[in-house]
């Protein structure tokens, strides 16, 4: 089973969808993150969980 590391982003209310999309795109392109979960709260704030796979190195000697 794969192991992941997680990053939680909390965006305040009033943040546009376009700004949230741009932020997630930058994390995906430059950090290797993928969207795991996005929650939109009734007050307009967002909680975004991103994840990326942990790659373990194995010794060859």
N, C-alpha and C. Protein backbone atom coordinates (compact mmCIF):
# COMPACT_ATOMS: atom_id res chain seq x y z
N UNK A 1 0.84 -1.18 0.00
CA UNK A 1 0.00 0.00 0.00
C UNK A 1 0.89 1.24 0.00
N UNK A 2 0.49 2.22 -0.74
CA UNK A 2 1.27 3.45 -0.87
C UNK A 2 1.13 4.31 0.38
N UNK A 3 2.21 5.02 0.71
CA UNK A 3 2.20 5.96 1.82
C UNK A 3 2.19 7.37 1.25
N UNK A 4 1.44 8.23 1.89
CA UNK A 4 1.30 9.60 1.43
C UNK A 4 1.65 10.58 2.54
N UNK A 5 2.06 11.77 2.13
CA UNK A 5 2.21 12.90 3.04
C UNK A 5 1.14 13.91 2.64
N UNK A 6 0.60 14.61 3.61
CA UNK A 6 -0.54 15.49 3.36
C UNK A 6 -0.20 16.94 3.66
N UNK A 7 -0.85 17.84 2.95
CA UNK A 7 -0.73 19.28 3.13
C UNK A 7 -2.14 19.84 3.20
N UNK A 8 -2.43 20.60 4.26
CA UNK A 8 -3.75 21.19 4.43
C UNK A 8 -3.66 22.69 4.20
N UNK A 9 -4.50 23.19 3.31
CA UNK A 9 -4.58 24.62 3.03
C UNK A 9 -5.95 25.11 3.47
N UNK A 10 -5.98 26.22 4.17
CA UNK A 10 -7.25 26.82 4.59
C UNK A 10 -7.36 28.19 3.93
N UNK A 11 -8.37 28.35 3.10
CA UNK A 11 -8.57 29.61 2.40
C UNK A 11 -9.74 30.35 3.03
N UNK A 12 -9.59 31.64 3.29
CA UNK A 12 -10.66 32.40 3.93
C UNK A 12 -11.82 32.65 2.98
N UNK A 13 -12.94 33.03 3.56
CA UNK A 13 -14.10 33.35 2.74
C UNK A 13 -13.78 34.56 1.87
N UNK A 14 -14.38 34.60 0.73
CA UNK A 14 -14.09 35.69 -0.19
C UNK A 14 -13.01 35.35 -1.20
N UNK A 15 -12.33 34.24 -1.01
CA UNK A 15 -11.33 33.79 -1.99
C UNK A 15 -12.08 33.25 -3.21
N UNK A 16 -11.75 33.75 -4.36
CA UNK A 16 -12.47 33.34 -5.57
C UNK A 16 -12.09 31.91 -5.97
N UNK A 17 -12.97 31.31 -6.76
CA UNK A 17 -12.69 29.96 -7.26
C UNK A 17 -11.45 29.97 -8.14
N UNK A 18 -11.28 31.04 -8.90
CA UNK A 18 -10.12 31.13 -9.79
C UNK A 18 -8.82 31.21 -8.99
N UNK A 19 -8.82 31.96 -7.89
CA UNK A 19 -7.62 32.06 -7.05
C UNK A 19 -7.32 30.72 -6.39
N UNK A 20 -8.35 30.01 -5.93
CA UNK A 20 -8.15 28.69 -5.32
C UNK A 20 -7.61 27.69 -6.35
N UNK A 21 -8.15 27.75 -7.56
CA UNK A 21 -7.68 26.87 -8.62
C UNK A 21 -6.22 27.15 -8.96
N UNK A 22 -5.86 28.42 -9.03
CA UNK A 22 -4.48 28.79 -9.35
C UNK A 22 -3.52 28.29 -8.26
N UNK A 23 -3.92 28.42 -7.01
CA UNK A 23 -3.08 27.95 -5.90
C UNK A 23 -2.86 26.44 -5.97
N UNK A 24 -3.94 25.69 -6.22
CA UNK A 24 -3.81 24.24 -6.32
C UNK A 24 -3.00 23.83 -7.54
N UNK A 25 -3.13 24.56 -8.64
CA UNK A 25 -2.36 24.26 -9.85
C UNK A 25 -0.87 24.44 -9.60
N UNK A 26 -0.50 25.50 -8.91
CA UNK A 26 0.92 25.73 -8.62
C UNK A 26 1.48 24.63 -7.73
N UNK A 27 0.73 24.21 -6.71
CA UNK A 27 1.20 23.13 -5.85
C UNK A 27 1.35 21.82 -6.64
N UNK A 28 0.43 21.58 -7.56
CA UNK A 28 0.49 20.35 -8.35
C UNK A 28 1.67 20.36 -9.31
N UNK A 29 1.88 21.47 -9.99
CA UNK A 29 2.94 21.52 -11.00
C UNK A 29 4.33 21.54 -10.40
N UNK A 30 4.52 22.32 -9.35
CA UNK A 30 5.87 22.52 -8.82
C UNK A 30 6.20 21.66 -7.61
N UNK A 31 5.18 21.16 -6.91
CA UNK A 31 5.45 20.37 -5.72
C UNK A 31 5.07 18.90 -5.84
N UNK A 32 4.38 18.54 -6.92
CA UNK A 32 3.99 17.16 -7.10
C UNK A 32 2.78 16.75 -6.27
N UNK A 33 1.98 17.71 -5.82
CA UNK A 33 0.82 17.43 -4.99
C UNK A 33 -0.39 17.11 -5.86
N UNK A 34 -1.31 16.30 -5.32
CA UNK A 34 -2.57 16.02 -6.00
C UNK A 34 -3.71 16.29 -5.01
N UNK A 35 -4.87 16.61 -5.55
CA UNK A 35 -6.02 16.92 -4.71
C UNK A 35 -6.55 15.65 -4.06
N UNK A 36 -6.67 15.67 -2.75
CA UNK A 36 -7.23 14.53 -2.01
C UNK A 36 -8.66 14.84 -1.58
N UNK A 37 -8.88 16.01 -1.02
CA UNK A 37 -10.21 16.36 -0.53
C UNK A 37 -10.35 17.88 -0.50
N UNK A 38 -11.52 18.37 -0.88
CA UNK A 38 -11.81 19.79 -0.81
C UNK A 38 -13.16 19.96 -0.12
N UNK A 39 -13.19 20.82 0.87
CA UNK A 39 -14.43 21.05 1.60
C UNK A 39 -14.76 22.53 1.56
N UNK A 40 -15.97 22.85 1.13
CA UNK A 40 -16.46 24.23 1.09
C UNK A 40 -17.44 24.38 2.24
N UNK A 41 -17.14 25.28 3.16
CA UNK A 41 -17.98 25.49 4.34
C UNK A 41 -19.08 26.50 4.04
N UNK A 42 -20.17 26.47 4.83
CA UNK A 42 -21.29 27.40 4.59
C UNK A 42 -20.92 28.88 4.65
N UNK A 43 -19.87 29.22 5.40
CA UNK A 43 -19.47 30.63 5.49
C UNK A 43 -18.62 31.07 4.29
N UNK A 44 -18.30 30.15 3.39
CA UNK A 44 -17.55 30.49 2.19
C UNK A 44 -16.08 30.15 2.25
N UNK A 45 -15.58 29.72 3.40
CA UNK A 45 -14.17 29.33 3.49
C UNK A 45 -13.98 27.93 2.91
N UNK A 46 -12.73 27.63 2.56
CA UNK A 46 -12.40 26.34 1.97
C UNK A 46 -11.29 25.66 2.76
N UNK A 47 -11.36 24.35 2.85
CA UNK A 47 -10.29 23.53 3.42
C UNK A 47 -9.89 22.54 2.35
N UNK A 48 -8.63 22.62 1.94
CA UNK A 48 -8.13 21.80 0.84
C UNK A 48 -7.07 20.86 1.39
N UNK A 49 -7.21 19.56 1.12
CA UNK A 49 -6.18 18.59 1.49
C UNK A 49 -5.52 18.10 0.21
N UNK A 50 -4.21 18.28 0.15
CA UNK A 50 -3.41 17.78 -0.96
C UNK A 50 -2.55 16.64 -0.45
N UNK A 51 -2.19 15.74 -1.33
CA UNK A 51 -1.32 14.63 -0.92
C UNK A 51 -0.31 14.34 -2.02
N UNK A 52 0.81 13.74 -1.59
CA UNK A 52 1.79 13.23 -2.55
C UNK A 52 2.39 11.96 -1.99
N UNK A 53 2.79 11.10 -2.89
CA UNK A 53 3.31 9.79 -2.51
C UNK A 53 4.71 9.92 -1.93
N UNK A 54 4.96 9.18 -0.86
CA UNK A 54 6.30 9.11 -0.27
C UNK A 54 7.07 8.04 -1.02
N UNK A 55 8.21 8.42 -1.56
CA UNK A 55 9.04 7.47 -2.29
C UNK A 55 10.21 7.09 -1.40
N UNK A 56 10.26 5.85 -1.02
CA UNK A 56 11.32 5.33 -0.16
C UNK A 56 12.46 4.81 -1.03
N UNK A 57 13.68 5.14 -0.66
CA UNK A 57 14.84 4.63 -1.37
C UNK A 57 15.28 3.34 -0.72
N UNK A 58 15.64 2.38 -1.54
CA UNK A 58 16.10 1.08 -1.06
C UNK A 58 17.59 0.96 -1.37
N UNK A 59 18.34 0.53 -0.37
CA UNK A 59 19.78 0.35 -0.58
C UNK A 59 20.01 -0.82 -1.53
N UNK A 60 21.01 -0.67 -2.36
CA UNK A 60 21.31 -1.71 -3.34
C UNK A 60 22.58 -2.48 -3.00
N UNK A 61 23.22 -2.12 -1.91
CA UNK A 61 24.46 -2.82 -1.55
C UNK A 61 24.20 -3.99 -0.65
